[in-house]
Amino acid sequence: MAQKHLSNVIGFDDAPFTRHFQGKVKVVGAVYAGLRFDGVLIGEVEKDGTDAASALAALVGQSKFAEHAQFIMLQGITLAGFNVVDVFALHDALSMPILVVSRKRPDLTAIKNALTAHIQAGDAKWGIIEKLGPMEPAGAVYVQRVGLSLDQAIMAIRHFSRHGVIPEPLRTAHLIAGALSFGQSRGNT
């Protein structure tokens, strides 16, 4: 991924919801052109569902930003509880790299146990996570990736991290998603 590929990114995060909530959860995409915040996408995915990749692909693909977006960042591989983003399907649908970012390395054993014991289609969801492999350290965060090298991922993290360790597109999506649920942003990004 050459330097020009770092210029246009959409970072996604989901809105907070209560533990017993059922239904669709808002998902926010923060669109960046370089370090300039350029727009917002808002969609929905089913809590603990299987529609995350198709919903994100449609949201991006049908937007005015589709022509210029060069890669997608996700704040973790799950949205709306355990709606695992099939990053391979998303990569294929959008023909662009996918970068999953997390502050800390997840407990894969706990995730596997929760998915396979309590979540509909849990085995298939675990299969996506297993295929993607463990998170890799990338500076102060951990990443998983499809369609870009670890060096390219580290370069993207460095380029977009300006106010902490989380890249601005993800930080902005998190703040907006929180405001959708609470009327104002809150919590750590």
N, C-alpha and C. Protein backbone atom coordinates (compact mmCIF):
# COMPACT_ATOMS: atom_id res chain seq x y z
N MET A 1 0.86 -1.17 0.00
CA MET A 1 0.00 0.00 0.00
C MET A 1 0.90 1.23 0.00
N ALA A 2 0.88 1.98 -1.05
CA ALA A 2 1.68 3.18 -1.16
C ALA A 2 1.11 4.28 -0.27
N GLN A 3 1.86 5.34 -0.08
CA GLN A 3 1.43 6.45 0.78
C GLN A 3 0.05 6.97 0.39
N LYS A 4 -0.25 7.04 -0.90
CA LYS A 4 -1.55 7.56 -1.34
C LYS A 4 -2.71 6.74 -0.78
N HIS A 5 -2.51 5.46 -0.50
CA HIS A 5 -3.57 4.64 0.05
C HIS A 5 -3.92 5.01 1.49
N LEU A 6 -3.08 5.76 2.14
CA LEU A 6 -3.37 6.20 3.49
C LEU A 6 -4.31 7.39 3.52
N SER A 7 -4.59 7.97 2.40
CA SER A 7 -5.29 9.24 2.41
C SER A 7 -6.80 9.13 2.65
N ASN A 8 -7.46 8.11 2.20
CA ASN A 8 -8.92 8.05 2.33
C ASN A 8 -9.34 6.76 3.03
N VAL A 9 -9.91 6.91 4.21
CA VAL A 9 -10.27 5.77 5.04
C VAL A 9 -11.64 6.01 5.67
N ILE A 10 -12.33 4.92 5.93
CA ILE A 10 -13.57 4.98 6.71
C ILE A 10 -13.39 4.08 7.92
N GLY A 11 -13.51 4.67 9.10
CA GLY A 11 -13.40 3.94 10.36
C GLY A 11 -14.77 3.68 10.94
N PHE A 12 -15.05 2.42 11.32
CA PHE A 12 -16.38 2.04 11.83
C PHE A 12 -16.34 1.63 13.29
N ASP A 13 -17.39 2.02 14.01
CA ASP A 13 -17.65 1.55 15.37
C ASP A 13 -19.16 1.50 15.56
N ASP A 14 -19.58 0.73 16.55
CA ASP A 14 -21.02 0.61 16.81
C ASP A 14 -21.43 1.47 17.99
N ALA A 15 -22.71 1.79 18.04
CA ALA A 15 -23.26 2.56 19.15
C ALA A 15 -23.46 1.64 20.35
N PRO A 16 -23.30 2.17 21.56
CA PRO A 16 -23.54 1.37 22.76
C PRO A 16 -25.02 0.98 22.86
N PHE A 17 -25.27 -0.12 23.54
CA PHE A 17 -26.65 -0.58 23.75
C PHE A 17 -26.69 -1.32 25.09
N THR A 18 -27.89 -1.47 25.62
CA THR A 18 -28.03 -2.14 26.91
C THR A 18 -27.89 -3.65 26.73
N ARG A 19 -27.59 -4.32 27.80
CA ARG A 19 -27.33 -5.75 27.77
C ARG A 19 -28.49 -6.56 27.20
N HIS A 20 -29.70 -6.21 27.52
CA HIS A 20 -30.86 -6.99 27.10
C HIS A 20 -31.51 -6.46 25.82
N PHE A 21 -30.87 -5.49 25.19
CA PHE A 21 -31.39 -4.93 23.95
C PHE A 21 -31.46 -6.00 22.87
N GLN A 22 -32.52 -5.98 22.09
CA GLN A 22 -32.64 -6.84 20.91
C GLN A 22 -32.99 -5.97 19.72
N GLY A 23 -32.51 -6.34 18.56
CA GLY A 23 -32.84 -5.59 17.35
C GLY A 23 -31.61 -5.05 16.67
N LYS A 24 -31.80 -3.95 15.96
CA LYS A 24 -30.72 -3.34 15.16
C LYS A 24 -29.97 -2.32 16.00
N VAL A 25 -28.65 -2.31 15.82
CA VAL A 25 -27.75 -1.39 16.52
C VAL A 25 -27.15 -0.46 15.48
N LYS A 26 -27.10 0.82 15.81
CA LYS A 26 -26.50 1.81 14.90
C LYS A 26 -25.00 1.56 14.76
N VAL A 27 -24.51 1.77 13.55
CA VAL A 27 -23.09 1.67 13.22
C VAL A 27 -22.70 2.98 12.55
N VAL A 28 -21.57 3.53 12.98
CA VAL A 28 -21.11 4.82 12.46
C VAL A 28 -19.80 4.63 11.72
N GLY A 29 -19.72 5.24 10.54
CA GLY A 29 -18.48 5.30 9.78
C GLY A 29 -18.00 6.74 9.72
N ALA A 30 -16.79 6.98 10.18
CA ALA A 30 -16.17 8.30 10.10
C ALA A 30 -15.25 8.30 8.89
N VAL A 31 -15.52 9.19 7.96
CA VAL A 31 -14.80 9.25 6.69
C VAL A 31 -13.70 10.30 6.80
N TYR A 32 -12.49 9.89 6.47
CA TYR A 32 -11.35 10.80 6.53
C TYR A 32 -10.66 10.86 5.17
N ALA A 33 -10.30 12.08 4.76
CA ALA A 33 -9.43 12.33 3.61
C ALA A 33 -8.14 12.89 4.21
N GLY A 34 -7.13 12.07 4.30
CA GLY A 34 -5.95 12.44 5.06
C GLY A 34 -6.37 12.60 6.52
N LEU A 35 -5.95 13.67 7.14
CA LEU A 35 -6.33 13.90 8.53
C LEU A 35 -7.56 14.80 8.65
N ARG A 36 -8.20 15.06 7.53
CA ARG A 36 -9.42 15.89 7.55
C ARG A 36 -10.65 14.99 7.68
N PHE A 37 -11.44 15.25 8.70
CA PHE A 37 -12.72 14.57 8.88
C PHE A 37 -13.64 15.05 7.77
N ASP A 38 -14.10 14.12 6.94
CA ASP A 38 -14.78 14.49 5.70
C ASP A 38 -16.24 14.11 5.63
N GLY A 39 -16.72 13.24 6.51
CA GLY A 39 -18.13 12.85 6.44
C GLY A 39 -18.46 11.73 7.40
N VAL A 40 -19.74 11.40 7.43
CA VAL A 40 -20.26 10.37 8.33
C VAL A 40 -21.19 9.45 7.56
N LEU A 41 -21.09 8.17 7.85
CA LEU A 41 -22.04 7.17 7.37
C LEU A 41 -22.72 6.57 8.60
N ILE A 42 -24.03 6.37 8.54
CA ILE A 42 -24.74 5.74 9.64
C ILE A 42 -25.62 4.64 9.07
N GLY A 43 -25.46 3.45 9.63
CA GLY A 43 -26.25 2.30 9.23
C GLY A 43 -26.65 1.51 10.46
N GLU A 44 -27.08 0.28 10.23
CA GLU A 44 -27.51 -0.59 11.31
C GLU A 44 -27.10 -2.03 11.02
N VAL A 45 -26.83 -2.76 12.08
CA VAL A 45 -26.61 -4.20 11.99
C VAL A 45 -27.38 -4.86 13.12
N GLU A 46 -27.72 -6.10 12.93
CA GLU A 46 -28.49 -6.85 13.93
C GLU A 46 -27.61 -7.24 15.11
N LYS A 47 -28.12 -7.01 16.32
CA LYS A 47 -27.38 -7.42 17.52
C LYS A 47 -27.15 -8.94 17.44
N ASP A 48 -25.91 -9.35 17.61
CA ASP A 48 -25.49 -10.75 17.56
C ASP A 48 -25.83 -11.43 16.23
N GLY A 49 -26.08 -10.65 15.19
CA GLY A 49 -26.50 -11.19 13.91
C GLY A 49 -25.34 -11.65 13.03
N THR A 50 -25.63 -11.74 11.74
CA THR A 50 -24.63 -12.19 10.76
C THR A 50 -24.53 -11.24 9.57
N ASP A 51 -25.07 -10.04 9.71
CA ASP A 51 -25.17 -9.12 8.58
C ASP A 51 -24.12 -8.00 8.56
N ALA A 52 -23.13 -8.04 9.44
CA ALA A 52 -22.19 -6.92 9.55
C ALA A 52 -21.45 -6.65 8.24
N ALA A 53 -20.87 -7.66 7.64
CA ALA A 53 -20.09 -7.44 6.40
C ALA A 53 -20.98 -6.93 5.27
N SER A 54 -22.14 -7.53 5.09
CA SER A 54 -23.01 -7.08 4.00
C SER A 54 -23.55 -5.68 4.26
N ALA A 55 -23.86 -5.36 5.51
CA ALA A 55 -24.36 -4.03 5.84
C ALA A 55 -23.29 -2.97 5.61
N LEU A 56 -22.06 -3.24 6.05
CA LEU A 56 -20.98 -2.28 5.85
C LEU A 56 -20.65 -2.13 4.36
N ALA A 57 -20.64 -3.24 3.64
CA ALA A 57 -20.36 -3.18 2.20
C ALA A 57 -21.40 -2.33 1.48
N ALA A 58 -22.67 -2.51 1.83
CA ALA A 58 -23.74 -1.71 1.21
C ALA A 58 -23.63 -0.24 1.62
N LEU A 59 -23.35 0.00 2.89
CA LEU A 59 -23.24 1.37 3.39
C LEU A 59 -22.13 2.13 2.67
N VAL A 60 -20.97 1.50 2.55
CA VAL A 60 -19.85 2.13 1.86
C VAL A 60 -20.10 2.18 0.35
N GLY A 61 -20.49 1.05 -0.22
CA GLY A 61 -20.64 0.95 -1.67
C GLY A 61 -21.69 1.87 -2.26
N GLN A 62 -22.73 2.19 -1.49
CA GLN A 62 -23.80 3.06 -1.98
C GLN A 62 -23.61 4.52 -1.59
N SER A 63 -22.49 4.81 -0.94
CA SER A 63 -22.26 6.18 -0.48
C SER A 63 -21.50 7.01 -1.50
N LYS A 64 -21.55 8.31 -1.31
CA LYS A 64 -20.78 9.21 -2.17
C LYS A 64 -19.28 9.09 -1.93
N PHE A 65 -18.90 8.40 -0.84
CA PHE A 65 -17.49 8.24 -0.50
C PHE A 65 -16.85 7.00 -1.13
N ALA A 66 -17.66 6.15 -1.74
CA ALA A 66 -17.18 4.86 -2.26
C ALA A 66 -16.05 5.03 -3.27
N GLU A 67 -16.16 6.02 -4.11
CA GLU A 67 -15.18 6.21 -5.18
C GLU A 67 -13.79 6.54 -4.64
N HIS A 68 -13.73 7.20 -3.48
CA HIS A 68 -12.45 7.66 -2.98
C HIS A 68 -11.90 6.85 -1.80
N ALA A 69 -12.76 6.07 -1.15
CA ALA A 69 -12.31 5.28 0.00
C ALA A 69 -11.27 4.26 -0.46
N GLN A 70 -10.19 4.13 0.32
CA GLN A 70 -9.12 3.23 -0.07
C GLN A 70 -8.90 2.10 0.91
N PHE A 71 -9.39 2.24 2.13
CA PHE A 71 -9.39 1.12 3.05
C PHE A 71 -10.35 1.38 4.20
N ILE A 72 -10.68 0.30 4.91
CA ILE A 72 -11.64 0.33 6.00
C ILE A 72 -10.91 -0.02 7.29
N MET A 73 -11.22 0.72 8.35
CA MET A 73 -10.75 0.39 9.70
C MET A 73 -11.96 -0.01 10.54
N LEU A 74 -11.76 -1.03 11.35
CA LEU A 74 -12.80 -1.48 12.27
C LEU A 74 -12.26 -1.44 13.69
N GLN A 75 -13.10 -1.02 14.63
CA GLN A 75 -12.73 -1.03 16.05
C GLN A 75 -13.13 -2.41 16.57
N GLY A 76 -12.28 -3.39 16.35
CA GLY A 76 -12.58 -4.78 16.70
C GLY A 76 -13.30 -5.47 15.56
N ILE A 77 -13.34 -6.80 15.63
CA ILE A 77 -13.93 -7.59 14.55
C ILE A 77 -15.42 -7.83 14.74
N THR A 78 -15.95 -7.42 15.89
CA THR A 78 -17.39 -7.60 16.13
C THR A 78 -18.07 -6.25 16.25
N LEU A 79 -19.31 -6.21 15.80
CA LEU A 79 -20.18 -5.06 15.98
C LEU A 79 -21.45 -5.57 16.66
N ALA A 80 -22.13 -4.73 17.38
CA ALA A 80 -23.43 -5.07 17.95
C ALA A 80 -23.39 -6.39 18.71
N GLY A 81 -22.49 -6.47 19.66
CA GLY A 81 -22.35 -7.71 20.42
C GLY A 81 -21.46 -8.67 19.67
N PHE A 82 -22.05 -9.79 19.25
CA PHE A 82 -21.28 -10.81 18.53
C PHE A 82 -21.68 -10.92 17.06
N ASN A 83 -21.89 -9.79 16.41
CA ASN A 83 -22.08 -9.78 14.96
C ASN A 83 -20.69 -9.66 14.37
N VAL A 84 -20.07 -10.81 14.12
CA VAL A 84 -18.69 -10.86 13.63
C VAL A 84 -18.65 -10.37 12.18
N VAL A 85 -17.77 -9.41 11.92
CA VAL A 85 -17.60 -8.89 10.57
C VAL A 85 -16.78 -9.91 9.78
N ASP A 86 -17.37 -10.47 8.75
CA ASP A 86 -16.62 -11.35 7.86
C ASP A 86 -15.71 -10.47 7.02
N VAL A 87 -14.51 -10.22 7.54
CA VAL A 87 -13.60 -9.29 6.90
C VAL A 87 -13.16 -9.76 5.51
N PHE A 88 -13.19 -11.06 5.29
CA PHE A 88 -12.84 -11.58 3.97
C PHE A 88 -13.93 -11.24 2.95
N ALA A 89 -15.19 -11.39 3.35
CA ALA A 89 -16.31 -11.03 2.47
C ALA A 89 -16.35 -9.51 2.25
N LEU A 90 -16.07 -8.74 3.29
CA LEU A 90 -16.05 -7.28 3.17
C LEU A 90 -14.94 -6.83 2.23
N HIS A 91 -13.77 -7.44 2.38
CA HIS A 91 -12.64 -7.14 1.49
C HIS A 91 -13.01 -7.45 0.05
N ASP A 92 -13.62 -8.61 -0.19
CA ASP A 92 -14.01 -8.98 -1.55
C ASP A 92 -15.08 -8.06 -2.11
N ALA A 93 -16.06 -7.70 -1.29
CA ALA A 93 -17.17 -6.86 -1.76
C ALA A 93 -16.71 -5.45 -2.12
N LEU A 94 -15.77 -4.90 -1.35
CA LEU A 94 -15.34 -3.52 -1.57
C LEU A 94 -14.03 -3.40 -2.35
N SER A 95 -13.33 -4.51 -2.52
CA SER A 95 -12.02 -4.51 -3.19
C SER A 95 -11.06 -3.51 -2.54
N MET A 96 -11.05 -3.53 -1.21
CA MET A 96 -10.11 -2.68 -0.50
C MET A 96 -9.66 -3.36 0.79
N PRO A 97 -8.49 -2.99 1.28
CA PRO A 97 -7.97 -3.58 2.51
C PRO A 97 -8.86 -3.29 3.72
N ILE A 98 -8.81 -4.21 4.68
CA ILE A 98 -9.55 -4.08 5.94
C ILE A 98 -8.53 -4.18 7.07
N LEU A 99 -8.59 -3.22 7.99
CA LEU A 99 -7.68 -3.19 9.14
C LEU A 99 -8.52 -3.18 10.41
N VAL A 100 -8.36 -4.21 11.23
CA VAL A 100 -9.06 -4.33 12.51
C VAL A 100 -8.09 -3.88 13.60
N VAL A 101 -8.54 -2.96 14.46
CA VAL A 101 -7.68 -2.37 15.48
C VAL A 101 -8.30 -2.60 16.86
N SER A 102 -7.46 -2.92 17.83
CA SER A 102 -7.91 -3.10 19.22
C SER A 102 -6.85 -2.56 20.17
N ARG A 103 -7.30 -1.96 21.25
CA ARG A 103 -6.38 -1.47 22.29
C ARG A 103 -5.60 -2.60 22.94
N LYS A 104 -6.28 -3.73 23.14
CA LYS A 104 -5.62 -4.85 23.81
C LYS A 104 -5.91 -6.14 23.06
N ARG A 105 -5.08 -7.11 23.30
CA ARG A 105 -5.24 -8.41 22.66
C ARG A 105 -6.44 -9.11 23.31
N PRO A 106 -7.40 -9.54 22.50
CA PRO A 106 -8.59 -10.19 23.07
C PRO A 106 -8.29 -11.59 23.60
N ASP A 107 -9.10 -12.05 24.52
CA ASP A 107 -9.01 -13.41 25.07
C ASP A 107 -9.77 -14.34 24.12
N LEU A 108 -9.03 -14.94 23.19
CA LEU A 108 -9.67 -15.75 22.14
C LEU A 108 -10.38 -16.97 22.70
N THR A 109 -9.87 -17.53 23.78
CA THR A 109 -10.53 -18.68 24.39
C THR A 109 -11.91 -18.28 24.92
N ALA A 110 -11.98 -17.15 25.59
CA ALA A 110 -13.27 -16.67 26.12
C ALA A 110 -14.23 -16.35 24.98
N ILE A 111 -13.72 -15.75 23.92
CA ILE A 111 -14.57 -15.42 22.77
C ILE A 111 -15.09 -16.69 22.12
N LYS A 112 -14.22 -17.68 21.92
CA LYS A 112 -14.65 -18.94 21.31
C LYS A 112 -15.72 -19.60 22.17
N ASN A 113 -15.50 -19.65 23.47
CA ASN A 113 -16.49 -20.28 24.37
C ASN A 113 -17.82 -19.56 24.32
N ALA A 114 -17.82 -18.23 24.33
CA ALA A 114 -19.06 -17.47 24.28
C ALA A 114 -19.78 -17.68 22.95
N LEU A 115 -19.03 -17.63 21.87
CA LEU A 115 -19.64 -17.79 20.54
C LEU A 115 -20.25 -19.17 20.36
N THR A 116 -19.49 -20.19 20.68
CA THR A 116 -19.93 -21.55 20.37
C THR A 116 -20.98 -22.06 21.36
N ALA A 117 -21.05 -21.45 22.54
CA ALA A 117 -22.02 -21.93 23.54
C ALA A 117 -23.32 -21.13 23.55
N HIS A 118 -23.27 -19.86 23.17
CA HIS A 118 -24.43 -19.00 23.42
C HIS A 118 -24.94 -18.22 22.21
N ILE A 119 -24.25 -18.22 21.11
CA ILE A 119 -24.59 -17.33 20.00
C ILE A 119 -25.01 -18.14 18.78
N GLN A 120 -26.12 -17.69 18.16
CA GLN A 120 -26.58 -18.33 16.93
C GLN A 120 -25.49 -18.22 15.86
N ALA A 121 -25.24 -19.29 15.16
CA ALA A 121 -24.19 -19.38 14.13
C ALA A 121 -22.81 -19.14 14.72
N GLY A 122 -22.65 -19.45 16.00
CA GLY A 122 -21.39 -19.20 16.70
C GLY A 122 -20.20 -19.92 16.10
N ASP A 123 -20.40 -21.16 15.64
CA ASP A 123 -19.28 -21.91 15.06
C ASP A 123 -18.78 -21.23 13.78
N ALA A 124 -19.70 -20.75 12.95
CA ALA A 124 -19.30 -20.06 11.72
C ALA A 124 -18.60 -18.74 12.04
N LYS A 125 -19.11 -18.04 13.05
CA LYS A 125 -18.48 -16.78 13.45
C LYS A 125 -17.08 -17.03 13.99
N TRP A 126 -16.94 -18.09 14.79
CA TRP A 126 -15.61 -18.43 15.30
C TRP A 126 -14.68 -18.78 14.15
N GLY A 127 -15.20 -19.44 13.12
CA GLY A 127 -14.39 -19.81 11.97
C GLY A 127 -13.78 -18.59 11.28
N ILE A 128 -14.52 -17.48 11.21
CA ILE A 128 -13.99 -16.25 10.62
C ILE A 128 -12.83 -15.72 11.46
N ILE A 129 -13.04 -15.68 12.77
CA ILE A 129 -12.00 -15.18 13.68
C ILE A 129 -10.76 -16.07 13.60
N GLU A 130 -10.99 -17.36 13.59
CA GLU A 130 -9.88 -18.31 13.54
C GLU A 130 -9.10 -18.19 12.23
N LYS A 131 -9.82 -18.02 11.12
CA LYS A 131 -9.18 -17.87 9.82
C LYS A 131 -8.33 -16.60 9.75
N LEU A 132 -8.81 -15.54 10.39
CA LEU A 132 -8.07 -14.28 10.38
C LEU A 132 -6.80 -14.37 11.21
N GLY A 133 -6.82 -15.20 12.22
CA GLY A 133 -5.63 -15.41 13.04
C GLY A 133 -5.55 -14.44 14.20
N PRO A 134 -4.55 -14.65 15.05
CA PRO A 134 -4.43 -13.81 16.25
C PRO A 134 -4.07 -12.38 15.89
N MET A 135 -4.39 -11.48 16.79
CA MET A 135 -4.02 -10.08 16.61
C MET A 135 -2.51 -9.94 16.76
N GLU A 136 -1.95 -9.02 15.99
CA GLU A 136 -0.52 -8.76 15.99
C GLU A 136 -0.26 -7.39 16.62
N PRO A 137 0.82 -7.26 17.39
CA PRO A 137 1.15 -5.94 17.90
C PRO A 137 1.52 -5.00 16.76
N ALA A 138 1.02 -3.76 16.86
CA ALA A 138 1.33 -2.72 15.88
C ALA A 138 1.49 -1.42 16.65
N GLY A 139 2.65 -1.21 17.21
CA GLY A 139 2.85 -0.07 18.09
C GLY A 139 2.13 -0.32 19.40
N ALA A 140 1.30 0.63 19.81
CA ALA A 140 0.59 0.53 21.09
C ALA A 140 -0.75 -0.17 20.98
N VAL A 141 -1.10 -0.66 19.79
CA VAL A 141 -2.37 -1.37 19.59
C VAL A 141 -2.10 -2.73 18.97
N TYR A 142 -3.19 -3.47 18.77
CA TYR A 142 -3.11 -4.78 18.11
C TYR A 142 -3.98 -4.72 16.86
N VAL A 143 -3.57 -5.46 15.84
CA VAL A 143 -4.29 -5.42 14.57
C VAL A 143 -4.50 -6.82 14.00
N GLN A 144 -5.52 -6.90 13.17
CA GLN A 144 -5.72 -8.00 12.23
C GLN A 144 -5.94 -7.32 10.89
N ARG A 145 -5.64 -8.03 9.82
CA ARG A 145 -5.65 -7.33 8.54
C ARG A 145 -5.94 -8.28 7.39
N VAL A 146 -6.56 -7.71 6.37
CA VAL A 146 -6.79 -8.42 5.11
C VAL A 146 -6.45 -7.44 4.00
N GLY A 147 -5.53 -7.83 3.12
CA GLY A 147 -5.20 -7.00 1.96
C GLY A 147 -4.12 -5.97 2.19
N LEU A 148 -3.42 -6.04 3.33
CA LEU A 148 -2.28 -5.17 3.55
C LEU A 148 -1.31 -5.87 4.48
N SER A 149 -0.05 -5.46 4.37
CA SER A 149 1.01 -6.08 5.17
C SER A 149 1.00 -5.48 6.58
N LEU A 150 1.73 -6.11 7.49
CA LEU A 150 1.86 -5.57 8.84
C LEU A 150 2.55 -4.20 8.79
N ASP A 151 3.56 -4.04 7.95
CA ASP A 151 4.22 -2.74 7.83
C ASP A 151 3.25 -1.66 7.35
N GLN A 152 2.40 -2.01 6.40
CA GLN A 152 1.40 -1.06 5.92
C GLN A 152 0.39 -0.72 7.02
N ALA A 153 0.01 -1.72 7.81
CA ALA A 153 -0.91 -1.49 8.92
C ALA A 153 -0.29 -0.55 9.94
N ILE A 154 0.97 -0.78 10.29
CA ILE A 154 1.67 0.07 11.25
C ILE A 154 1.77 1.50 10.71
N MET A 155 2.06 1.63 9.43
CA MET A 155 2.15 2.96 8.82
C MET A 155 0.80 3.67 8.90
N ALA A 156 -0.29 2.96 8.66
CA ALA A 156 -1.62 3.56 8.73
C ALA A 156 -1.95 3.97 10.17
N ILE A 157 -1.62 3.13 11.12
CA ILE A 157 -1.87 3.45 12.54
C ILE A 157 -1.10 4.72 12.91
N ARG A 158 0.15 4.78 12.55
CA ARG A 158 0.97 5.97 12.86
C ARG A 158 0.41 7.22 12.20
N HIS A 159 0.03 7.09 10.95
CA HIS A 159 -0.45 8.24 10.18
C HIS A 159 -1.72 8.83 10.79
N PHE A 160 -2.64 7.98 11.22
CA PHE A 160 -3.95 8.45 11.67
C PHE A 160 -4.07 8.61 13.18
N SER A 161 -3.06 8.24 13.95
CA SER A 161 -3.14 8.38 15.42
C SER A 161 -2.54 9.73 15.81
N ARG A 162 -3.41 10.64 16.22
CA ARG A 162 -2.97 11.99 16.55
C ARG A 162 -3.25 12.38 18.00
N HIS A 163 -4.26 11.80 18.60
CA HIS A 163 -4.67 12.19 19.96
C HIS A 163 -4.79 10.95 20.83
N GLY A 164 -3.79 10.11 20.81
CA GLY A 164 -3.79 8.85 21.55
C GLY A 164 -3.37 7.72 20.64
N VAL A 165 -3.64 6.49 21.06
CA VAL A 165 -3.18 5.33 20.30
C VAL A 165 -4.20 4.85 19.27
N ILE A 166 -5.45 5.25 19.42
CA ILE A 166 -6.49 4.83 18.48
C ILE A 166 -6.53 5.81 17.30
N PRO A 167 -6.51 5.32 16.07
CA PRO A 167 -6.54 6.21 14.90
C PRO A 167 -7.79 7.09 14.89
N GLU A 168 -7.63 8.30 14.40
CA GLU A 168 -8.71 9.29 14.40
C GLU A 168 -10.01 8.81 13.76
N PRO A 169 -9.98 8.08 12.64
CA PRO A 169 -11.27 7.63 12.09
C PRO A 169 -12.05 6.75 13.08
N LEU A 170 -11.36 5.90 13.83
CA LEU A 170 -12.04 5.06 14.82
C LEU A 170 -12.45 5.87 16.04
N ARG A 171 -11.60 6.77 16.48
CA ARG A 171 -11.91 7.62 17.63
C ARG A 171 -13.14 8.47 17.34
N THR A 172 -13.20 9.04 16.15
CA THR A 172 -14.33 9.88 15.76
C THR A 172 -15.61 9.05 15.64
N ALA A 173 -15.53 7.89 15.02
CA ALA A 173 -16.71 7.01 14.90
C ALA A 173 -17.22 6.64 16.29
N HIS A 174 -16.31 6.35 17.21
CA HIS A 174 -16.69 6.00 18.58
C HIS A 174 -17.43 7.15 19.27
N LEU A 175 -16.92 8.35 19.11
CA LEU A 175 -17.54 9.53 19.74
C LEU A 175 -18.94 9.78 19.17
N ILE A 176 -19.08 9.69 17.86
CA ILE A 176 -20.38 9.91 17.24
C ILE A 176 -21.36 8.80 17.63
N ALA A 177 -20.89 7.56 17.64
CA ALA A 177 -21.76 6.44 18.00
C ALA A 177 -22.26 6.59 19.44
N GLY A 178 -21.41 7.03 20.34
CA GLY A 178 -21.83 7.26 21.72
C GLY A 178 -22.89 8.34 21.81
N ALA A 179 -22.72 9.40 21.03
CA ALA A 179 -23.71 10.48 21.03
C ALA A 179 -25.05 10.02 20.49
N LEU A 180 -25.05 9.08 19.55
CA LEU A 180 -26.32 8.56 19.04
C LEU A 180 -27.12 7.85 20.16
N SER A 181 -26.41 7.21 21.06
CA SER A 181 -27.08 6.47 22.14
C SER A 181 -27.41 7.35 23.34
N PHE A 182 -26.52 8.28 23.68
CA PHE A 182 -26.65 9.04 24.92
C PHE A 182 -26.91 10.53 24.76
N GLY A 183 -26.97 11.00 23.52
CA GLY A 183 -27.18 12.42 23.29
C GLY A 183 -25.90 13.23 23.37
N GLN A 184 -24.84 12.60 23.81
CA GLN A 184 -23.52 13.22 23.85
C GLN A 184 -22.46 12.11 23.89
N SER A 185 -21.28 12.44 23.43
CA SER A 185 -20.22 11.44 23.47
C SER A 185 -19.74 11.31 24.91
N ARG A 186 -19.27 10.11 25.23
CA ARG A 186 -18.75 9.86 26.57
C ARG A 186 -17.81 8.68 26.54
N GLY A 187 -17.07 8.49 27.61
CA GLY A 187 -16.20 7.32 27.73
C GLY A 187 -14.90 7.47 26.99
N ASN A 188 -14.09 6.46 27.12
CA ASN A 188 -12.78 6.43 26.47
C ASN A 188 -12.90 6.07 25.02
N THR A 189 -11.97 6.58 24.23
CA THR A 189 -11.92 6.22 22.82
C THR A 189 -10.71 5.40 22.54
